[in-house]
Amino acid sequence: QVQLVESGGGLVQAGGSLRLSCTASGRIFRSYNMGWFRQAPGKEREFVAALSWSGDSTYYADSVKGRFAISRNNAKNTVYLQMNSLKPEDTAVYSCAAPRDVRVTPSDPRGVTYYWGQGTQVTVSS
């Protein structure tokens, strides 16, 4: 079992920045590829970014490429999402996730079984 707790969300103006954190407890964090997803009101959950267990490989949705950066600190059991140049369309609840199968890299929010955090709200005003 893996427990995930996100923090760092809030209200920011367009063009601003936020850094989200997701701290894990339970099973060995460093074994897991980690991901961030988001869900805006009235929309389905979508993939944002993912990171391999070693931190060597990163993956991003086209909508955030060049603006967001995912990283991790395995000594702190924490994965981060640095969000720059935020846009109103980035407004959503952001959740981190660890796939129950450690061989899987997060990408599809529905085709894979994940451990999920409770989510943190990010609101970008225009």
N, C-alpha and C. Protein backbone atom coordinates (compact mmCIF):
# COMPACT_ATOMS: atom_id res chain seq x y z
N GLN A 1 0.84 -1.19 0.00
CA GLN A 1 0.00 0.00 0.00
C GLN A 1 0.88 1.24 0.00
N VAL A 2 0.46 2.25 -0.74
CA VAL A 2 1.16 3.53 -0.81
C VAL A 2 0.16 4.63 -0.48
N GLN A 3 0.54 5.51 0.43
CA GLN A 3 -0.29 6.67 0.74
C GLN A 3 0.39 7.90 0.17
N LEU A 4 -0.40 8.74 -0.49
CA LEU A 4 0.12 9.93 -1.16
C LEU A 4 -0.61 11.16 -0.65
N VAL A 5 0.16 12.21 -0.35
CA VAL A 5 -0.43 13.46 0.12
C VAL A 5 0.16 14.62 -0.68
N GLU A 6 -0.72 15.35 -1.38
CA GLU A 6 -0.29 16.49 -2.17
C GLU A 6 -0.39 17.78 -1.36
N SER A 7 0.42 18.76 -1.76
CA SER A 7 0.34 20.09 -1.18
C SER A 7 0.88 21.09 -2.20
N GLY A 8 0.64 22.37 -1.93
CA GLY A 8 1.21 23.41 -2.76
C GLY A 8 0.26 24.09 -3.71
N GLY A 9 -0.98 23.62 -3.76
CA GLY A 9 -1.94 24.28 -4.65
C GLY A 9 -2.33 25.65 -4.12
N GLY A 10 -3.09 26.37 -4.93
CA GLY A 10 -3.55 27.69 -4.51
C GLY A 10 -4.06 28.50 -5.66
N LEU A 11 -4.21 29.79 -5.40
CA LEU A 11 -4.70 30.74 -6.40
C LEU A 11 -3.53 31.57 -6.91
N VAL A 12 -3.39 31.66 -8.21
CA VAL A 12 -2.28 32.41 -8.79
C VAL A 12 -2.79 33.12 -10.05
N GLN A 13 -2.17 34.24 -10.38
CA GLN A 13 -2.54 34.95 -11.60
C GLN A 13 -1.90 34.30 -12.81
N ALA A 14 -2.52 34.50 -13.95
CA ALA A 14 -1.95 33.98 -15.19
C ALA A 14 -0.52 34.48 -15.35
N GLY A 15 0.35 33.57 -15.78
CA GLY A 15 1.76 33.90 -15.92
C GLY A 15 2.59 33.58 -14.69
N GLY A 16 1.91 33.27 -13.59
CA GLY A 16 2.60 32.96 -12.34
C GLY A 16 3.06 31.52 -12.27
N SER A 17 3.59 31.18 -11.09
CA SER A 17 4.16 29.85 -10.88
C SER A 17 3.67 29.25 -9.57
N LEU A 18 3.64 27.93 -9.54
CA LEU A 18 3.37 27.18 -8.32
C LEU A 18 4.22 25.92 -8.35
N ARG A 19 4.56 25.41 -7.18
CA ARG A 19 5.22 24.12 -7.09
C ARG A 19 4.37 23.20 -6.22
N LEU A 20 3.95 22.11 -6.80
CA LEU A 20 3.20 21.09 -6.07
C LEU A 20 4.16 20.04 -5.54
N SER A 21 3.82 19.51 -4.38
CA SER A 21 4.59 18.42 -3.78
C SER A 21 3.67 17.25 -3.50
N CYS A 22 4.22 16.07 -3.58
CA CYS A 22 3.47 14.85 -3.27
C CYS A 22 4.40 13.96 -2.45
N THR A 23 4.05 13.76 -1.20
CA THR A 23 4.87 12.95 -0.30
C THR A 23 4.23 11.59 -0.11
N ALA A 24 5.05 10.56 -0.21
CA ALA A 24 4.56 9.19 -0.15
C ALA A 24 4.99 8.50 1.13
N SER A 25 4.18 7.60 1.59
CA SER A 25 4.53 6.74 2.71
C SER A 25 4.04 5.33 2.37
N GLY A 26 4.56 4.38 3.09
CA GLY A 26 4.15 3.01 2.82
C GLY A 26 5.25 2.25 2.13
N ARG A 27 4.93 1.66 1.01
CA ARG A 27 5.91 0.85 0.30
C ARG A 27 7.07 1.70 -0.21
N ILE A 28 8.10 1.06 -0.67
CA ILE A 28 9.32 1.76 -1.06
C ILE A 28 9.06 2.70 -2.21
N PHE A 29 9.11 3.99 -1.94
CA PHE A 29 8.78 5.02 -2.91
C PHE A 29 9.66 4.95 -4.13
N ARG A 30 10.94 4.66 -3.91
CA ARG A 30 11.88 4.74 -5.03
C ARG A 30 11.64 3.66 -6.08
N SER A 31 10.79 2.71 -5.78
CA SER A 31 10.49 1.66 -6.75
C SER A 31 9.48 2.09 -7.81
N TYR A 32 8.78 3.19 -7.54
CA TYR A 32 7.64 3.58 -8.36
C TYR A 32 7.95 4.67 -9.36
N ASN A 33 7.52 4.46 -10.60
CA ASN A 33 7.39 5.57 -11.52
C ASN A 33 6.19 6.40 -11.04
N MET A 34 6.30 7.70 -11.07
CA MET A 34 5.27 8.56 -10.50
C MET A 34 4.67 9.47 -11.57
N GLY A 35 3.41 9.87 -11.32
CA GLY A 35 2.75 10.74 -12.29
C GLY A 35 1.90 11.80 -11.62
N TRP A 36 1.64 12.84 -12.38
CA TRP A 36 0.68 13.87 -12.00
C TRP A 36 -0.44 13.89 -13.03
N PHE A 37 -1.66 14.00 -12.53
CA PHE A 37 -2.84 14.12 -13.37
C PHE A 37 -3.64 15.33 -12.89
N ARG A 38 -4.59 15.77 -13.71
CA ARG A 38 -5.45 16.86 -13.28
C ARG A 38 -6.86 16.64 -13.82
N GLN A 39 -7.81 17.24 -13.11
CA GLN A 39 -9.19 17.17 -13.53
C GLN A 39 -9.85 18.52 -13.32
N ALA A 40 -10.27 19.11 -14.43
CA ALA A 40 -10.98 20.39 -14.40
C ALA A 40 -12.47 20.13 -14.26
N PRO A 41 -13.22 21.12 -13.76
CA PRO A 41 -14.67 20.93 -13.60
C PRO A 41 -15.35 20.55 -14.91
N GLY A 42 -16.14 19.50 -14.86
CA GLY A 42 -16.87 19.05 -16.03
C GLY A 42 -16.05 18.30 -17.06
N LYS A 43 -14.79 18.05 -16.75
CA LYS A 43 -13.92 17.34 -17.70
C LYS A 43 -13.38 16.07 -17.07
N GLU A 44 -12.89 15.18 -17.91
CA GLU A 44 -12.30 13.95 -17.42
C GLU A 44 -10.88 14.21 -16.93
N ARG A 45 -10.44 13.32 -16.06
CA ARG A 45 -9.07 13.41 -15.57
C ARG A 45 -8.11 13.20 -16.74
N GLU A 46 -7.02 13.99 -16.76
CA GLU A 46 -6.05 13.87 -17.84
C GLU A 46 -4.63 13.81 -17.30
N PHE A 47 -3.80 13.19 -18.09
CA PHE A 47 -2.38 13.05 -17.77
C PHE A 47 -1.69 14.40 -17.89
N VAL A 48 -0.78 14.68 -16.96
CA VAL A 48 0.02 15.92 -17.00
C VAL A 48 1.50 15.60 -17.21
N ALA A 49 2.06 14.77 -16.33
CA ALA A 49 3.49 14.50 -16.39
C ALA A 49 3.79 13.20 -15.65
N ALA A 50 4.92 12.58 -16.02
CA ALA A 50 5.35 11.36 -15.35
C ALA A 50 6.86 11.33 -15.28
N LEU A 51 7.36 10.51 -14.36
CA LEU A 51 8.77 10.46 -14.07
C LEU A 51 9.14 9.04 -13.70
N SER A 52 10.25 8.56 -14.26
CA SER A 52 10.69 7.21 -13.93
C SER A 52 11.19 7.13 -12.50
N TRP A 53 11.32 5.90 -11.98
CA TRP A 53 11.72 5.70 -10.59
C TRP A 53 13.09 6.33 -10.32
N SER A 54 13.96 6.35 -11.32
CA SER A 54 15.31 6.88 -11.15
C SER A 54 15.36 8.39 -11.35
N GLY A 55 14.31 8.94 -11.97
CA GLY A 55 14.32 10.35 -12.31
C GLY A 55 14.98 10.65 -13.64
N ASP A 56 15.44 9.63 -14.34
CA ASP A 56 16.17 9.84 -15.59
C ASP A 56 15.25 10.13 -16.77
N SER A 57 14.02 9.68 -16.71
CA SER A 57 13.10 9.85 -17.84
C SER A 57 11.86 10.62 -17.40
N THR A 58 11.49 11.60 -18.21
CA THR A 58 10.30 12.39 -17.92
C THR A 58 9.39 12.41 -19.14
N TYR A 59 8.11 12.60 -18.90
CA TYR A 59 7.10 12.59 -19.95
C TYR A 59 6.09 13.68 -19.63
N TYR A 60 5.64 14.39 -20.66
CA TYR A 60 4.71 15.50 -20.45
C TYR A 60 3.59 15.48 -21.48
N ALA A 61 2.43 15.95 -21.04
CA ALA A 61 1.36 16.22 -21.98
C ALA A 61 1.77 17.41 -22.84
N ASP A 62 1.34 17.43 -24.08
CA ASP A 62 1.70 18.51 -24.99
C ASP A 62 1.28 19.87 -24.43
N SER A 63 0.17 19.90 -23.71
CA SER A 63 -0.37 21.16 -23.22
C SER A 63 0.50 21.82 -22.14
N VAL A 64 1.39 21.06 -21.53
CA VAL A 64 2.22 21.63 -20.46
C VAL A 64 3.71 21.58 -20.79
N LYS A 65 4.06 20.98 -21.90
CA LYS A 65 5.47 20.83 -22.27
C LYS A 65 6.13 22.20 -22.38
N GLY A 66 7.29 22.33 -21.76
CA GLY A 66 8.01 23.59 -21.79
C GLY A 66 7.62 24.54 -20.67
N ARG A 67 6.53 24.25 -19.96
CA ARG A 67 6.07 25.11 -18.86
C ARG A 67 6.15 24.39 -17.51
N PHE A 68 5.91 23.10 -17.51
CA PHE A 68 5.91 22.32 -16.27
C PHE A 68 7.14 21.43 -16.22
N ALA A 69 7.59 21.12 -14.99
CA ALA A 69 8.73 20.23 -14.82
C ALA A 69 8.45 19.30 -13.63
N ILE A 70 8.60 18.01 -13.86
CA ILE A 70 8.41 17.02 -12.80
C ILE A 70 9.78 16.57 -12.31
N SER A 71 9.90 16.38 -11.02
CA SER A 71 11.15 15.92 -10.43
C SER A 71 10.83 15.13 -9.16
N ARG A 72 11.86 14.51 -8.61
CA ARG A 72 11.64 13.73 -7.39
C ARG A 72 12.87 13.76 -6.51
N ASN A 73 12.64 13.56 -5.22
CA ASN A 73 13.71 13.40 -4.25
C ASN A 73 13.40 12.11 -3.50
N ASN A 74 14.06 11.05 -3.86
CA ASN A 74 13.75 9.75 -3.25
C ASN A 74 14.12 9.70 -1.78
N ALA A 75 15.09 10.51 -1.37
CA ALA A 75 15.47 10.54 0.05
C ALA A 75 14.35 11.14 0.90
N LYS A 76 13.53 11.98 0.27
CA LYS A 76 12.41 12.62 0.97
C LYS A 76 11.07 11.99 0.61
N ASN A 77 11.10 10.94 -0.20
CA ASN A 77 9.86 10.28 -0.64
C ASN A 77 8.88 11.28 -1.26
N THR A 78 9.39 12.19 -2.05
CA THR A 78 8.57 13.27 -2.57
C THR A 78 8.79 13.45 -4.07
N VAL A 79 7.69 13.70 -4.77
CA VAL A 79 7.74 14.07 -6.18
C VAL A 79 7.15 15.48 -6.30
N TYR A 80 7.70 16.26 -7.21
CA TYR A 80 7.33 17.66 -7.35
C TYR A 80 6.79 17.92 -8.76
N LEU A 81 5.98 18.96 -8.86
CA LEU A 81 5.56 19.47 -10.16
C LEU A 81 5.73 20.98 -10.12
N GLN A 82 6.75 21.47 -10.80
CA GLN A 82 6.98 22.91 -10.93
C GLN A 82 6.17 23.41 -12.11
N MET A 83 5.28 24.35 -11.87
CA MET A 83 4.40 24.86 -12.91
C MET A 83 4.68 26.34 -13.13
N ASN A 84 5.14 26.67 -14.32
CA ASN A 84 5.46 28.05 -14.69
C ASN A 84 4.55 28.52 -15.81
N SER A 85 4.51 29.81 -16.00
CA SER A 85 3.70 30.41 -17.07
C SER A 85 2.28 29.85 -17.06
N LEU A 86 1.69 29.84 -15.90
CA LEU A 86 0.37 29.24 -15.75
C LEU A 86 -0.69 30.00 -16.53
N LYS A 87 -1.66 29.24 -17.02
CA LYS A 87 -2.75 29.77 -17.81
C LYS A 87 -4.09 29.45 -17.13
N PRO A 88 -5.11 30.21 -17.39
CA PRO A 88 -6.42 29.88 -16.80
C PRO A 88 -6.87 28.46 -17.09
N GLU A 89 -6.51 27.94 -18.25
CA GLU A 89 -6.92 26.57 -18.60
C GLU A 89 -6.15 25.50 -17.82
N ASP A 90 -5.17 25.92 -17.02
CA ASP A 90 -4.49 24.97 -16.12
C ASP A 90 -5.28 24.77 -14.83
N THR A 91 -6.33 25.53 -14.63
CA THR A 91 -7.14 25.40 -13.42
C THR A 91 -7.73 24.00 -13.33
N ALA A 92 -7.48 23.33 -12.21
CA ALA A 92 -7.94 21.95 -12.02
C ALA A 92 -7.53 21.47 -10.63
N VAL A 93 -8.04 20.31 -10.28
CA VAL A 93 -7.53 19.59 -9.11
C VAL A 93 -6.40 18.69 -9.62
N TYR A 94 -5.24 18.86 -9.02
CA TYR A 94 -4.06 18.10 -9.42
C TYR A 94 -3.82 16.97 -8.41
N SER A 95 -3.60 15.77 -8.96
CA SER A 95 -3.39 14.60 -8.11
C SER A 95 -2.14 13.87 -8.55
N CYS A 96 -1.39 13.38 -7.58
CA CYS A 96 -0.27 12.52 -7.93
C CYS A 96 -0.73 11.07 -7.84
N ALA A 97 0.00 10.21 -8.53
CA ALA A 97 -0.41 8.82 -8.61
C ALA A 97 0.80 7.92 -8.77
N ALA A 98 0.70 6.75 -8.18
CA ALA A 98 1.70 5.70 -8.34
C ALA A 98 0.99 4.46 -8.86
N PRO A 99 1.44 3.89 -9.97
CA PRO A 99 0.78 2.69 -10.49
C PRO A 99 1.01 1.51 -9.58
N ARG A 100 0.00 0.71 -9.38
CA ARG A 100 0.13 -0.45 -8.49
C ARG A 100 1.14 -1.46 -9.04
N ASP A 101 1.30 -1.49 -10.34
CA ASP A 101 2.33 -2.30 -10.97
C ASP A 101 3.55 -1.41 -11.16
N VAL A 102 4.63 -1.67 -10.45
CA VAL A 102 5.80 -0.79 -10.48
C VAL A 102 6.46 -0.74 -11.85
N ARG A 103 6.09 -1.67 -12.75
CA ARG A 103 6.69 -1.67 -14.08
C ARG A 103 6.03 -0.63 -15.00
N VAL A 104 4.91 -0.10 -14.57
CA VAL A 104 4.13 0.81 -15.41
C VAL A 104 4.56 2.25 -15.20
N THR A 105 4.63 3.01 -16.30
CA THR A 105 4.85 4.45 -16.23
C THR A 105 3.49 5.13 -16.38
N PRO A 106 3.12 6.00 -15.47
CA PRO A 106 1.80 6.63 -15.54
C PRO A 106 1.60 7.38 -16.85
N SER A 107 0.43 7.20 -17.44
CA SER A 107 0.05 7.94 -18.64
C SER A 107 -1.46 7.94 -18.81
N ASP A 108 -2.08 6.77 -18.80
CA ASP A 108 -3.52 6.65 -18.99
C ASP A 108 -4.20 6.65 -17.62
N PRO A 109 -5.03 7.67 -17.33
CA PRO A 109 -5.65 7.71 -16.01
C PRO A 109 -6.70 6.63 -15.78
N ARG A 110 -7.16 6.00 -16.86
CA ARG A 110 -8.25 5.03 -16.71
C ARG A 110 -7.82 3.59 -16.98
N GLY A 111 -6.79 3.39 -17.75
CA GLY A 111 -6.40 2.04 -18.14
C GLY A 111 -5.49 1.35 -17.17
N VAL A 112 -5.10 2.05 -16.13
CA VAL A 112 -4.14 1.51 -15.16
C VAL A 112 -4.69 1.74 -13.76
N THR A 113 -4.42 0.82 -12.86
CA THR A 113 -4.82 0.97 -11.46
C THR A 113 -3.72 1.70 -10.70
N TYR A 114 -4.12 2.77 -10.02
CA TYR A 114 -3.16 3.61 -9.32
C TYR A 114 -3.49 3.71 -7.83
N TYR A 115 -2.47 4.06 -7.06
CA TYR A 115 -2.67 4.68 -5.76
C TYR A 115 -2.79 6.17 -6.05
N TRP A 116 -3.81 6.82 -5.44
CA TRP A 116 -4.04 8.25 -5.69
C TRP A 116 -3.92 9.05 -4.41
N GLY A 117 -3.44 10.30 -4.56
CA GLY A 117 -3.55 11.24 -3.47
C GLY A 117 -4.93 11.88 -3.47
N GLN A 118 -5.18 12.76 -2.50
CA GLN A 118 -6.50 13.37 -2.37
C GLN A 118 -6.68 14.54 -3.32
N GLY A 119 -5.57 15.04 -3.87
CA GLY A 119 -5.65 16.14 -4.82
C GLY A 119 -5.46 17.50 -4.15
N THR A 120 -4.98 18.45 -4.94
CA THR A 120 -4.82 19.83 -4.48
C THR A 120 -5.33 20.76 -5.57
N GLN A 121 -6.07 21.77 -5.17
CA GLN A 121 -6.71 22.68 -6.13
C GLN A 121 -5.72 23.73 -6.60
N VAL A 122 -5.67 23.90 -7.92
CA VAL A 122 -4.89 24.97 -8.54
C VAL A 122 -5.88 25.83 -9.32
N THR A 123 -5.90 27.11 -9.01
CA THR A 123 -6.78 28.04 -9.70
C THR A 123 -5.95 29.17 -10.28
N VAL A 124 -6.06 29.37 -11.59
CA VAL A 124 -5.31 30.41 -12.28
C VAL A 124 -6.29 31.46 -12.77
N SER A 125 -6.14 32.67 -12.28
CA SER A 125 -7.04 33.76 -12.67
C SER A 125 -6.47 34.52 -13.87
N SER A 126 -7.37 35.02 -14.69
CA SER A 126 -6.92 35.76 -15.88
C SER A 126 -6.73 37.23 -15.60
